[in-house]
Protein backbone atom coordinates (compact mmCIF):
# COMPACT_ATOMS: atom_id res chain seq x y z
CA UNK A 1 49.08 -48.01 -30.15
CA UNK A 2 51.35 -48.79 -33.11
CA UNK A 3 52.73 -51.83 -31.28
CA UNK A 4 49.21 -53.15 -30.71
CA UNK A 5 48.43 -52.74 -34.40
CA UNK A 6 51.62 -54.59 -35.35
CA UNK A 7 50.91 -57.52 -33.04
CA UNK A 8 47.30 -57.68 -34.21
CA UNK A 9 48.47 -57.90 -37.82
CA UNK A 10 50.84 -60.79 -37.02
CA UNK A 11 48.13 -62.68 -35.13
CA UNK A 12 45.61 -62.20 -37.94
CA UNK A 13 48.10 -63.54 -40.48
CA UNK A 14 48.92 -66.57 -38.31
CA UNK A 15 45.23 -67.37 -37.76
CA UNK A 16 44.59 -67.20 -41.51
CA UNK A 17 47.41 -69.70 -42.11
CA UNK A 18 46.03 -72.20 -39.57
CA UNK A 19 42.52 -71.98 -41.05
CA UNK A 20 43.96 -72.48 -44.54
CA UNK A 21 45.79 -75.63 -43.42
CA UNK A 22 42.59 -77.07 -41.93
CA UNK A 23 41.51 -78.25 -45.39
CA UNK A 24 44.99 -79.22 -46.59
CA UNK A 25 45.20 -82.76 -48.02
CA UNK A 26 47.98 -83.77 -45.63
CA UNK A 27 46.01 -82.80 -42.50
CA UNK A 28 44.62 -85.80 -40.60
CA UNK A 29 41.12 -85.91 -39.16
CA UNK A 30 42.56 -85.56 -35.66
CA UNK A 31 44.52 -82.40 -36.55
CA UNK A 32 41.54 -81.02 -38.45
CA UNK A 33 39.32 -81.61 -35.40
CA UNK A 34 41.82 -79.82 -33.17
CA UNK A 35 41.91 -76.86 -35.55
CA UNK A 36 38.08 -76.71 -35.59
CA UNK A 37 38.03 -76.71 -31.79
CA UNK A 38 40.67 -73.96 -31.85
CA UNK A 39 38.52 -72.00 -34.29
CA UNK A 40 35.49 -72.33 -32.05
CA UNK A 41 37.16 -71.62 -28.71
CA UNK A 42 39.88 -69.15 -29.65
CA UNK A 43 38.38 -67.17 -32.52
CA UNK A 44 34.99 -66.87 -30.88
CA UNK A 45 36.61 -65.03 -27.96
CA UNK A 46 39.45 -63.42 -29.86
CA UNK A 47 37.38 -61.61 -32.51
CA UNK A 48 35.21 -59.92 -29.92
CA UNK A 49 38.20 -59.18 -27.71
CA UNK A 50 40.14 -57.76 -30.66
CA UNK A 51 37.43 -55.17 -31.34
CA UNK A 52 37.18 -54.24 -27.66
CA UNK A 53 40.93 -53.73 -27.43
CA UNK A 54 40.95 -51.66 -30.61
CA UNK A 55 38.14 -49.49 -29.24
CA UNK A 56 39.99 -48.93 -25.95
CA UNK A 57 43.19 -48.16 -27.82
CA UNK A 58 41.41 -45.65 -30.07
CA UNK A 59 39.97 -43.80 -27.06
CA UNK A 60 43.43 -43.70 -25.49
CA UNK A 61 44.97 -42.41 -28.72
CA UNK A 62 42.33 -39.66 -28.95
CA UNK A 63 43.08 -38.64 -25.36
CA UNK A 64 46.77 -38.36 -26.23
CA UNK A 65 45.95 -36.12 -29.22
CA UNK A 66 43.66 -33.85 -27.16
CA UNK A 67 46.20 -33.42 -24.38
CA UNK A 68 48.97 -32.77 -26.88
CA UNK A 69 46.87 -29.99 -28.40
CA UNK A 70 46.31 -28.48 -24.96
CA UNK A 71 50.05 -28.44 -24.25
CA UNK A 72 50.66 -26.78 -27.62
CA UNK A 73 48.07 -24.08 -26.91
CA UNK A 74 49.50 -23.39 -23.45
CA UNK A 75 52.97 -22.98 -24.92
CA UNK A 76 51.72 -20.51 -27.55
CA UNK A 77 49.95 -18.42 -24.91
CA UNK A 78 53.10 -18.34 -22.77
CA UNK A 79 55.25 -17.43 -25.75
CA UNK A 80 53.02 -14.48 -26.69
CA UNK A 81 52.80 -13.40 -23.06
CA UNK A 82 56.56 -13.23 -22.52
CA UNK A 83 57.20 -11.58 -25.88
CA UNK A 84 54.89 -8.77 -24.78
CA UNK A 85 56.81 -8.40 -21.51
CA UNK A 86 60.09 -8.05 -23.38
CA UNK A 87 58.55 -5.42 -25.64
CA UNK A 88 57.23 -3.46 -22.64
CA UNK A 89 60.53 -3.65 -20.80
CA UNK A 90 62.47 -2.11 -23.66
CA UNK A 91 59.90 0.65 -24.11
CA UNK A 92 59.84 1.56 -20.42
CA UNK A 93 63.64 1.69 -20.23
CA UNK A 94 63.59 4.30 -23.01
CA UNK A 95 61.08 6.61 -21.33
CA UNK A 96 62.40 10.16 -21.24
CA UNK A 97 61.73 10.44 -17.51
CA UNK A 98 63.80 7.33 -16.75
CA UNK A 99 66.68 8.41 -18.99
CA UNK A 100 66.77 11.83 -17.27
CA UNK A 101 66.74 10.32 -13.78
CA UNK A 102 69.44 7.72 -14.48
CA UNK A 103 71.64 10.44 -15.96
CA UNK A 104 71.26 12.28 -12.67
CA UNK A 105 72.27 9.13 -10.77
CA UNK A 106 75.51 8.91 -12.77
CA UNK A 107 76.39 12.61 -12.64
CA UNK A 108 75.43 13.03 -8.99
CA UNK A 109 73.35 16.06 -9.96
CA UNK A 110 70.76 16.61 -7.24
CA UNK A 111 69.02 19.59 -8.82
CA UNK A 112 65.39 18.74 -9.54
CA UNK A 113 66.09 15.15 -8.45
CA UNK A 114 62.84 14.95 -6.49
CA UNK A 115 60.84 16.26 -9.46
CA UNK A 116 62.51 13.82 -11.83
CA UNK A 117 61.79 10.95 -9.43
CA UNK A 118 58.12 11.95 -9.24
CA UNK A 119 57.87 12.01 -13.05
CA UNK A 120 59.21 8.46 -13.22
CA UNK A 121 56.78 7.35 -10.52
CA UNK A 122 53.83 8.89 -12.38
CA UNK A 123 54.87 7.30 -15.69
CA UNK A 124 55.31 3.85 -14.14
CA UNK A 125 52.03 4.15 -12.28
CA UNK A 126 50.16 4.97 -15.49
CA UNK A 127 51.91 2.16 -17.33
CA UNK A 128 51.04 -0.39 -14.60
CA UNK A 129 47.41 0.72 -14.65
CA UNK A 130 47.21 0.27 -18.43
CA UNK A 131 48.94 -3.13 -18.60
CA UNK A 132 47.52 -4.65 -15.39
CA UNK A 133 49.95 -7.58 -15.55
CA UNK A 134 52.79 -6.27 -13.36
CA UNK A 135 52.60 -6.66 -9.60
CA UNK A 136 55.58 -4.32 -9.23
CA UNK A 137 57.61 -2.03 -11.46
CA UNK A 138 60.83 -0.68 -10.01
CA UNK A 139 63.78 1.50 -10.89
CA UNK A 140 66.95 0.59 -9.00
CA UNK A 141 70.10 2.65 -8.99
CA UNK A 142 73.49 1.06 -9.71
CA UNK A 143 73.97 0.37 -6.01
CA UNK A 144 70.83 -1.76 -5.87
CA UNK A 145 68.63 0.69 -3.97
CA UNK A 146 65.02 1.18 -5.00
CA UNK A 147 64.51 4.74 -6.19
CA UNK A 148 60.96 4.23 -7.49
CA UNK A 149 58.54 1.38 -6.88
CA UNK A 150 54.98 1.07 -8.06
CA UNK A 151 52.76 -1.73 -6.74
CA UNK A 152 49.69 -2.94 -8.61
CA UNK A 153 47.00 -4.90 -6.80
CA UNK A 154 43.21 -5.23 -6.99
CA UNK A 155 43.19 -3.00 -10.07
CA UNK A 156 44.86 -0.16 -8.16
CA UNK A 157 48.34 1.30 -8.41
CA UNK A 158 50.26 2.48 -5.37
CA UNK A 159 53.41 4.59 -5.53
CA UNK A 160 55.50 3.39 -2.60
CA UNK A 161 56.72 6.18 -0.32
CA UNK A 162 60.44 6.84 -0.12
CA UNK A 163 60.79 5.66 3.46
CA UNK A 164 59.42 2.22 2.43
CA UNK A 165 61.83 1.68 -0.44
CA UNK A 166 64.25 -1.21 0.06
CA UNK A 167 67.85 -2.14 -0.64
CA UNK A 168 67.89 -4.95 -3.22
CA UNK A 169 71.65 -5.09 -3.68
CA UNK A 170 71.76 -8.58 -2.17
CA UNK A 171 69.10 -10.05 -4.44
CA UNK A 172 70.23 -12.35 -7.21
CA UNK A 173 68.32 -10.58 -9.97
CA UNK A 174 70.12 -7.32 -9.25
CA UNK A 175 73.54 -8.97 -9.31
CA UNK A 176 72.73 -10.78 -12.54
CA UNK A 177 71.38 -7.61 -14.21
CA UNK A 178 74.52 -5.67 -13.37
CA UNK A 179 76.50 -8.13 -15.52
CA UNK A 180 74.41 -7.59 -18.64
CA UNK A 181 75.54 -5.83 -21.77
CA UNK A 182 73.44 -3.10 -23.42
CA UNK A 183 70.18 -4.56 -24.75
CA UNK A 184 70.45 -7.82 -22.79
CA UNK A 185 67.60 -8.89 -20.49
CA UNK A 186 67.75 -10.92 -17.32
CA UNK A 187 64.86 -13.29 -16.66
CA UNK A 188 64.67 -14.84 -13.21
CA UNK A 189 63.37 -18.28 -12.32
CA UNK A 190 59.75 -18.42 -11.17
CA UNK A 191 59.74 -18.31 -7.37
CA UNK A 192 57.83 -16.86 -4.44
CA UNK A 193 58.04 -13.14 -3.79
CA UNK A 194 59.85 -11.94 -0.69
CA UNK A 195 59.44 -8.66 1.14
CA UNK A 196 62.01 -7.65 3.73
CA UNK A 197 63.63 -11.07 3.36
CA UNK A 198 60.48 -13.12 4.10
CA UNK A 199 58.20 -15.09 1.78
CA UNK A 200 54.90 -13.27 1.37
CA UNK A 201 51.78 -15.02 2.66
CA UNK A 202 49.63 -15.95 0.80
CA UNK A 203 52.22 -17.09 -1.73
CA UNK A 204 52.85 -14.82 -4.69
CA UNK A 205 54.63 -16.68 -7.52
CA UNK A 206 56.59 -14.12 -9.51
CA UNK A 207 59.05 -13.98 -12.35
CA UNK A 208 61.28 -10.92 -12.73
CA UNK A 209 62.54 -9.23 -15.83
CA UNK A 210 65.45 -6.81 -15.45
CA UNK A 211 67.08 -4.53 -18.00
CA UNK A 212 70.01 -2.19 -17.29
CA UNK A 213 69.65 1.39 -18.49
CA UNK A 214 72.95 2.38 -20.08
CA UNK A 215 74.01 6.02 -20.30
CA UNK A 216 77.17 6.50 -22.36
CA UNK A 217 78.29 2.89 -21.76
CA UNK A 218 77.66 3.13 -18.02
CA UNK A 219 74.77 1.59 -16.09
CA UNK A 220 72.66 4.37 -14.63
CA UNK A 221 69.89 2.16 -13.26
CA UNK A 222 67.94 -1.05 -13.70
CA UNK A 223 64.29 -1.39 -14.62
CA UNK A 224 62.70 -4.41 -12.93
CA UNK A 225 59.30 -5.94 -13.70
CA UNK A 226 57.68 -8.32 -11.22
CA UNK A 227 55.07 -10.42 -13.00
CA UNK A 228 52.64 -12.36 -10.87
CA UNK A 229 52.24 -15.80 -12.46
CA UNK A 230 48.94 -17.53 -11.77
CA UNK A 231 49.74 -21.12 -12.79
CA UNK A 232 46.10 -22.22 -12.66
CA UNK A 233 45.13 -19.47 -15.10
CA UNK A 234 48.00 -20.36 -17.44
CA UNK A 235 47.19 -24.08 -17.51
CA UNK A 236 43.48 -23.49 -18.01
CA UNK A 237 43.74 -20.56 -20.43
CA UNK A 238 43.26 -22.46 -23.72
CA UNK A 239 39.99 -24.02 -22.62
CA UNK A 240 38.30 -21.56 -20.31
CA UNK A 241 35.43 -22.88 -18.20
CA UNK A 242 34.71 -25.79 -20.54
CA UNK A 243 37.41 -27.93 -18.94
CA UNK A 244 36.94 -28.70 -15.27
CA UNK A 245 39.85 -31.11 -14.71
CA UNK A 246 42.76 -28.72 -15.34
CA UNK A 247 43.59 -28.93 -11.68
CA UNK A 248 45.18 -32.32 -12.37
CA UNK A 249 47.81 -30.68 -14.56
CA UNK A 250 51.41 -30.34 -13.48
CA UNK A 251 54.17 -27.85 -14.19
CA UNK A 252 57.75 -28.27 -12.98
CA UNK A 253 60.93 -26.24 -13.33
CA UNK A 254 64.10 -27.48 -15.04
CA UNK A 255 65.19 -29.20 -11.82
CA UNK A 256 61.95 -31.12 -11.40
CA UNK A 257 60.44 -29.04 -8.57
CA UNK A 258 56.71 -28.47 -8.79
CA UNK A 259 55.48 -25.01 -9.78
CA UNK A 260 51.92 -26.32 -10.05
CA UNK A 261 50.46 -29.57 -8.71
CA UNK A 262 46.99 -30.79 -7.68
CA UNK A 263 48.43 -31.22 -4.18
CA UNK A 264 49.48 -27.67 -3.28
CA UNK A 265 51.71 -28.92 -0.44
CA UNK A 266 54.09 -30.36 -3.07
CA UNK A 267 54.81 -27.01 -4.75
CA UNK A 268 57.80 -24.68 -4.27
CA UNK A 269 60.07 -27.38 -2.87
CA UNK A 270 63.16 -25.37 -3.85
CA UNK A 271 62.25 -22.40 -1.63
CA UNK A 272 64.19 -22.26 1.65
CA UNK A 273 62.19 -22.47 4.83
CA UNK A 274 59.20 -24.42 3.51
CA UNK A 275 60.53 -27.90 4.29
CA UNK A 276 59.48 -29.32 0.92
CA UNK A 277 62.84 -30.15 -0.65
CA UNK A 278 61.83 -33.79 -1.23
CA UNK A 279 58.81 -32.81 -3.32
CA UNK A 280 60.21 -33.38 -6.79
CA UNK A 281 59.10 -35.18 -9.93
CA UNK A 282 62.24 -37.33 -9.65
CA UNK A 283 60.80 -38.90 -6.51
CA UNK A 284 57.25 -39.28 -7.85
CA UNK A 285 57.72 -40.36 -11.48
CA UNK A 286 59.53 -43.42 -12.75
CA UNK A 287 61.40 -44.60 -15.82
CA UNK A 288 62.01 -41.72 -18.21
CA UNK A 289 62.13 -38.80 -15.73
CA UNK A 290 65.50 -37.65 -17.11
CA UNK A 291 63.98 -37.54 -20.59
CA UNK A 292 61.01 -35.53 -19.33
CA UNK A 293 63.43 -33.01 -17.83
CA UNK A 294 65.54 -32.88 -20.98
CA UNK A 295 66.16 -29.41 -22.43
CA UNK A 296 67.08 -30.68 -25.90
CA UNK A 297 64.12 -29.33 -27.89
CA UNK A 298 60.54 -28.10 -27.65
CA UNK A 299 58.83 -31.24 -28.96
CA UNK A 300 55.59 -32.49 -27.42
CA UNK A 301 56.00 -36.10 -26.35
CA UNK A 302 54.08 -38.94 -24.68
CA UNK A 303 55.57 -40.91 -21.79
CA UNK A 304 53.93 -44.36 -21.79
CA UNK A 305 55.71 -45.21 -18.53
CA UNK A 306 54.08 -42.34 -16.63
CA UNK A 307 51.06 -41.90 -18.95
CA UNK A 308 51.59 -38.16 -19.47
CA UNK A 309 52.02 -35.70 -22.32
CA UNK A 310 54.90 -33.32 -21.67
CA UNK A 311 56.89 -30.56 -23.31
CA UNK A 312 59.41 -27.94 -22.15
CA UNK A 313 58.75 -24.24 -22.46
CA UNK A 314 61.81 -21.98 -22.63
CA UNK A 315 60.71 -18.79 -20.94
CA UNK A 316 64.06 -17.18 -21.76
CA UNK A 317 64.72 -18.05 -25.44
CA UNK A 318 68.38 -17.03 -25.16
CA UNK A 319 69.04 -19.33 -22.20
CA UNK A 320 68.17 -22.99 -22.85
CA UNK A 321 68.91 -23.86 -19.23
CA UNK A 322 65.82 -21.96 -18.10
CA UNK A 323 62.62 -23.80 -18.84
CA UNK A 324 59.47 -25.25 -17.37
CA UNK A 325 57.95 -28.58 -18.28
CA UNK A 326 54.20 -28.62 -18.88
CA UNK A 327 52.72 -32.02 -18.05
CA UNK A 328 49.25 -33.22 -18.94
CA UNK A 329 48.13 -36.57 -17.46
CA UNK A 330 46.50 -39.02 -19.87
CA UNK A 331 43.93 -41.49 -18.60
CA UNK A 332 45.38 -44.96 -18.41
CA UNK A 333 44.44 -47.39 -21.15
CA UNK A 334 41.73 -49.64 -19.70
CA UNK A 335 41.52 -53.03 -21.35
CA UNK A 336 38.12 -54.75 -21.49
CA UNK A 337 39.11 -57.74 -19.29
CA UNK A 338 40.20 -58.17 -15.71
CA UNK A 339 43.37 -60.14 -15.07
CA UNK A 340 41.36 -63.14 -13.78
CA UNK A 341 39.06 -63.23 -16.80
CA UNK A 342 42.03 -62.85 -19.12
CA UNK A 343 43.77 -65.87 -17.56
CA UNK A 344 40.60 -67.97 -17.88
CA UNK A 345 40.05 -67.12 -21.55
CA UNK A 346 43.73 -67.47 -22.38
CA UNK A 347 43.91 -70.88 -20.70
CA UNK A 348 41.00 -72.22 -22.73
CA UNK A 349 42.50 -70.87 -25.94
CA UNK A 350 45.95 -72.24 -25.13
CA UNK A 351 44.47 -75.70 -24.49
CA UNK A 352 43.10 -75.73 -28.04
CA UNK A 353 46.54 -74.80 -29.35
CA UNK A 354 48.10 -77.60 -27.30
CA UNK A 355 45.61 -79.98 -28.86
CA UNK A 356 46.75 -78.89 -32.34
CA UNK A 357 50.35 -79.32 -31.28
CA UNK A 358 49.75 -82.80 -29.86
CA UNK A 359 47.88 -83.94 -32.94
CA UNK A 360 50.57 -82.55 -35.22
CA UNK A 361 53.31 -84.21 -33.19
CA UNK A 362 51.50 -87.55 -33.29
CA UNK A 363 51.19 -87.34 -37.07
CA UNK A 364 54.83 -86.34 -37.41
CA UNK A 365 55.90 -89.30 -35.23
CA UNK A 366 53.93 -91.73 -37.36
CA UNK A 367 55.45 -90.29 -40.53
CA UNK A 368 58.95 -90.68 -39.12
CA UNK A 369 58.31 -94.32 -38.27
CA UNK A 370 57.02 -95.08 -41.77
CA UNK A 371 59.95 -93.18 -43.35
CA UNK A 372 57.79 -92.69 -46.46
CA UNK A 373 58.86 -90.13 -49.02
CA UNK A 374 55.67 -88.12 -48.54
CA UNK A 375 56.33 -88.02 -44.80
CA UNK A 376 58.81 -85.20 -45.25
CA UNK A 377 56.06 -82.93 -46.53
CA UNK A 378 53.74 -84.03 -43.77
CA UNK A 379 56.44 -83.49 -41.15
CA UNK A 380 57.16 -80.00 -42.43
CA UNK A 381 53.45 -79.18 -42.38
CA UNK A 382 53.10 -80.47 -38.80
CA UNK A 383 56.08 -78.46 -37.61
CA UNK A 384 54.72 -75.42 -39.40
CA UNK A 385 51.37 -75.80 -37.64
CA UNK A 386 53.11 -76.03 -34.28
CA UNK A 387 55.21 -72.95 -34.97
CA UNK A 388 52.16 -70.91 -35.97
CA UNK A 389 50.20 -71.99 -32.89
CA UNK A 390 53.06 -71.07 -30.56
CA UNK A 391 53.51 -67.70 -32.33
CA UNK A 392 49.82 -66.83 -31.95
CA UNK A 393 49.68 -67.41 -28.24
CA UNK A 394 53.03 -65.82 -27.49
CA UNK A 395 51.74 -62.67 -29.14
CA UNK A 396 48.23 -63.03 -27.74
CA UNK A 397 49.52 -63.00 -24.18
CA UNK A 398 51.42 -59.78 -24.85
CA UNK A 399 48.11 -57.92 -24.88
């Protein structure tokens, strides 16, 4: 948009200079006639075309602003959402029932262990019912075994029976959480939930928060939150039902794999067993893909190459390597002429410029032959006219 304004300003200035020279005392009748023909043919088309281009550019600029605002709103909603999760995680880890049970894990005390476990299960069940955002809340022991798990689905909480509890010692989020210092939180990448080693069907995109419960500088257990992430709800949240085209939006992880895409078969390309490893923004976008996937800052930017608004969201503020990129497509700038019509109008306009150039060259040649003193001024004026005409059409064709 700024480039179009700059070129328009240069063209306007050049046109004004040609029209000024039309009535200059050194201009011959032939040059003057060529300028008048230029004025009729070029300016008649150009003035109307200039307004049409400006109108199209303004609509495009407004679309960029609206999509930038949507990306900003999405990021604010996500930020508030994950701040609340952090707050909840710390509070749950400090529940008296959880502290008592993890102390028992460390000491090996089995007295009242079943009662203490039931208290934790009841507390987590009540908490899940109140919050309604956690698909699972778990307490693992330091060996990675589930001691309590509460599932939340369809507005109901289910305390999983002991014989259905699983060993999670091989899962990455457990291993990462065991390395944390007191007060540190592990946040997993967004991926598809697995039960008993298999991806759940239908897909359940989840992100996991894990916090070790320290008892006297020793890890007694780990509280794990599974948060079901509905990408369609996130992307549409700022606008509600008023916006019907949110399904065209895209969200990718830091490696360029799709977390949300209008074509659902392109999502989750990083998950083993789905056969979608080629589905990546790096294979679909061009030009500035590396810049789109940059983790340098949280700015909202426009990619003219791919016609999208994009911005990273760091879902773990303490780890700048973990982020998603929210991408909002912008409608392409539609100019008011087809390529064929543009060539036709440009050709006619260029012919009038050539006529000016020919007339100016003829006058300059005559002046050189006469070698009159005044010919130097006339020659400079002719060359100036030619330069302006060439400048106009070089810029005009850039549109």
